[in-house]
């Protein structure tokens, strides 16, 4: 377990140099990993959800970033936002139920937060504090069937 934690930390540090190089993916200029981005949508009258879908090594990672206040929730640790992700085999549309991983958030001023993905019956989630307006970097390191994968994207917090 200790070796896995050290390995994840090393991957985070190595990926920092390349994690946010380049432009923000858009429909007109998707990134090389075929990421797609949906801007805030209304799934509930008071809930704005930012969605990002990305295929990594044949695995579709479907992210949702939402305000805890927008879904009438609070966090005892003071976190303000909830990031959920569902993993599916891209070509089979089959949900992956056994994933381990972490999400790292880098806020606009460079402050970092890292949280373990918690498994909620195949939907994985972590909570974070988004206390600045601006562009947040999101890096998700996850392991499925012994294979390690990295998904990353930008989230503009207004």
Protein backbone atom coordinates (compact mmCIF):
# COMPACT_ATOMS: atom_id res chain seq x y z
CA UNK A 1 0.00 0.00 0.00
CA UNK A 2 2.84 2.35 0.87
CA UNK A 3 4.53 1.61 -2.47
CA UNK A 4 1.28 2.33 -4.32
CA UNK A 5 0.92 5.67 -2.53
CA UNK A 6 4.51 6.62 -3.37
CA UNK A 7 3.95 5.59 -6.99
CA UNK A 8 0.77 7.69 -7.22
CA UNK A 9 2.57 10.69 -5.76
CA UNK A 10 5.41 10.26 -8.25
CA UNK A 11 2.93 10.05 -11.13
CA UNK A 12 1.24 13.24 -9.88
CA UNK A 13 4.56 15.06 -9.76
CA UNK A 14 5.66 13.83 -13.17
CA UNK A 15 2.33 14.67 -14.75
CA UNK A 16 2.37 18.22 -13.37
CA UNK A 17 4.91 19.27 -15.96
CA UNK A 18 2.69 18.16 -18.82
CA UNK A 19 -0.74 18.15 -17.22
CA UNK A 20 -1.79 21.59 -18.28
CA UNK A 21 0.38 22.31 -21.28
CA UNK A 22 -1.58 23.27 -24.36
CA UNK A 23 -4.99 24.70 -24.89
CA UNK A 24 -8.28 23.96 -23.26
CA UNK A 25 -10.06 21.32 -25.37
CA UNK A 26 -13.14 22.55 -27.21
CA UNK A 27 -15.51 21.08 -29.76
CA UNK A 28 -13.56 22.83 -32.52
CA UNK A 29 -10.15 21.71 -31.24
CA UNK A 30 -10.42 18.53 -29.17
CA UNK A 31 -7.30 17.30 -27.47
CA UNK A 32 -5.38 14.34 -28.86
CA UNK A 33 -7.09 11.98 -26.40
CA UNK A 34 -10.51 12.75 -27.93
CA UNK A 35 -11.84 14.53 -24.87
CA UNK A 36 -15.24 16.11 -25.13
CA UNK A 37 -16.62 18.80 -22.92
CA UNK A 38 -20.15 19.76 -22.03
CA UNK A 39 -20.62 23.10 -20.37
CA UNK A 40 -22.95 23.54 -17.42
CA UNK A 41 -26.27 21.84 -17.91
CA UNK A 42 -29.36 21.85 -15.81
CA UNK A 43 -30.26 18.38 -14.57
CA UNK A 44 -32.23 19.82 -11.68
CA UNK A 45 -33.69 23.34 -11.47
CA UNK A 46 -31.06 24.55 -8.98
CA UNK A 47 -28.14 22.36 -10.04
CA UNK A 48 -25.51 23.38 -12.58
CA UNK A 49 -23.37 20.44 -13.62
CA UNK A 50 -20.15 20.66 -15.60
CA UNK A 51 -19.50 17.47 -17.56
CA UNK A 52 -16.33 16.21 -19.16
CA UNK A 53 -16.01 12.92 -21.02
CA UNK A 54 -12.65 11.53 -21.98
CA UNK A 55 -11.46 8.23 -23.41
CA UNK A 56 -8.22 7.00 -21.86
CA UNK A 57 -6.69 3.71 -23.04
CA UNK A 58 -10.11 2.46 -24.19
CA UNK A 59 -11.85 3.49 -20.96
CA UNK A 60 -14.49 6.22 -21.07
CA UNK A 61 -14.28 8.45 -17.98
CA UNK A 62 -17.46 10.51 -17.57
CA UNK A 63 -16.87 13.32 -15.03
CA UNK A 64 -19.40 15.63 -13.38
CA UNK A 65 -18.39 18.65 -11.29
CA UNK A 66 -21.13 20.21 -9.19
CA UNK A 67 -21.59 22.59 -6.31
CA UNK A 68 -22.63 20.86 -3.08
CA UNK A 69 -24.90 23.84 -2.32
CA UNK A 70 -26.56 23.33 -5.71
CA UNK A 71 -27.61 19.83 -4.69
CA UNK A 72 -28.62 20.93 -1.18
CA UNK A 73 -25.70 19.19 0.52
CA UNK A 74 -23.02 20.28 2.94
CA UNK A 75 -19.70 18.71 3.79
CA UNK A 76 -18.50 18.49 7.41
CA UNK A 77 -14.95 19.28 6.23
CA UNK A 78 -16.03 22.50 4.48
CA UNK A 79 -15.72 21.20 0.91
CA UNK A 80 -17.79 23.14 -1.62
CA UNK A 81 -17.80 20.93 -4.72
CA UNK A 82 -18.38 17.31 -5.61
CA UNK A 83 -16.63 15.54 -8.49
CA UNK A 84 -18.14 12.27 -9.67
CA UNK A 85 -16.79 9.94 -12.33
CA UNK A 86 -18.14 6.81 -13.95
CA UNK A 87 -15.76 4.53 -15.85
CA UNK A 88 -16.91 2.41 -18.78
CA UNK A 89 -15.26 0.26 -21.40
CA UNK A 90 -15.55 2.58 -24.38
CA UNK A 91 -16.52 0.07 -27.08
CA UNK A 92 -18.70 -2.19 -24.95
CA UNK A 93 -20.61 0.46 -23.00
CA UNK A 94 -19.97 -1.71 -19.94
CA UNK A 95 -19.51 0.03 -16.58
CA UNK A 96 -16.30 -0.76 -14.72
CA UNK A 97 -17.06 -1.52 -11.10
CA UNK A 98 -13.62 -2.12 -9.57
CA UNK A 99 -11.51 1.03 -9.81
CA UNK A 100 -9.09 2.59 -7.33
CA UNK A 101 -7.74 6.08 -7.69
CA UNK A 102 -7.38 9.69 -6.67
CA UNK A 103 -8.27 13.11 -7.99
CA UNK A 104 -5.94 16.07 -7.72
CA UNK A 105 -7.22 19.62 -8.07
CA UNK A 106 -4.94 22.56 -8.82
CA UNK A 107 -6.66 25.89 -8.18
CA UNK A 108 -5.94 29.08 -10.15
CA UNK A 109 -3.25 30.22 -7.69
CA UNK A 110 -1.49 26.83 -7.76
CA UNK A 111 -2.76 25.38 -4.47
CA UNK A 112 -3.29 21.62 -4.68
CA UNK A 113 -5.85 19.28 -3.14
CA UNK A 114 -5.80 15.49 -3.42
CA UNK A 115 -8.62 13.14 -2.46
CA UNK A 116 -9.13 9.42 -2.81
CA UNK A 117 -11.99 8.33 -5.06
CA UNK A 118 -14.74 6.79 -2.95
CA UNK A 119 -16.77 4.00 -4.51
CA UNK A 120 -20.54 4.47 -4.45
CA UNK A 121 -21.62 1.28 -6.22
CA UNK A 122 -19.63 1.95 -9.40
CA UNK A 123 -19.91 5.73 -9.29
CA UNK A 124 -16.71 7.22 -7.84
CA UNK A 125 -16.57 10.60 -6.12
CA UNK A 126 -14.54 13.05 -4.05
CA UNK A 127 -15.25 16.46 -2.53
CA UNK A 128 -13.08 19.58 -2.82
CA UNK A 129 -12.95 23.26 -1.89
CA UNK A 130 -13.32 25.64 -4.84
CA UNK A 131 -12.74 29.00 -3.18
CA UNK A 132 -11.33 31.01 -6.09
CA UNK A 133 -12.81 32.09 -9.38
CA UNK A 134 -10.88 30.90 -12.40
CA UNK A 135 -9.50 27.82 -14.10
CA UNK A 136 -8.97 24.66 -12.05
CA UNK A 137 -6.89 21.75 -13.26
CA UNK A 138 -8.35 18.31 -12.57
CA UNK A 139 -6.14 15.21 -12.74
CA UNK A 140 -7.59 11.78 -12.11
CA UNK A 141 -5.24 8.84 -11.62
CA UNK A 142 -7.02 5.51 -11.60
CA UNK A 143 -6.18 1.85 -11.71
CA UNK A 144 -8.35 -0.83 -13.30
CA UNK A 145 -7.33 -4.50 -13.59
CA UNK A 146 -3.76 -3.60 -12.60
CA UNK A 147 -3.46 -0.98 -15.37
CA UNK A 148 -2.85 2.66 -14.48
CA UNK A 149 -4.51 5.52 -16.35
CA UNK A 150 -4.56 9.33 -16.18
CA UNK A 151 -7.39 11.66 -17.22
CA UNK A 152 -7.05 15.43 -16.99
CA UNK A 153 -9.08 18.48 -17.90
CA UNK A 154 -9.82 22.10 -17.05
CA UNK A 155 -12.81 23.32 -15.07
CA UNK A 156 -13.69 27.04 -15.18
CA UNK A 157 -15.19 28.03 -11.84
CA UNK A 158 -17.14 31.28 -11.98
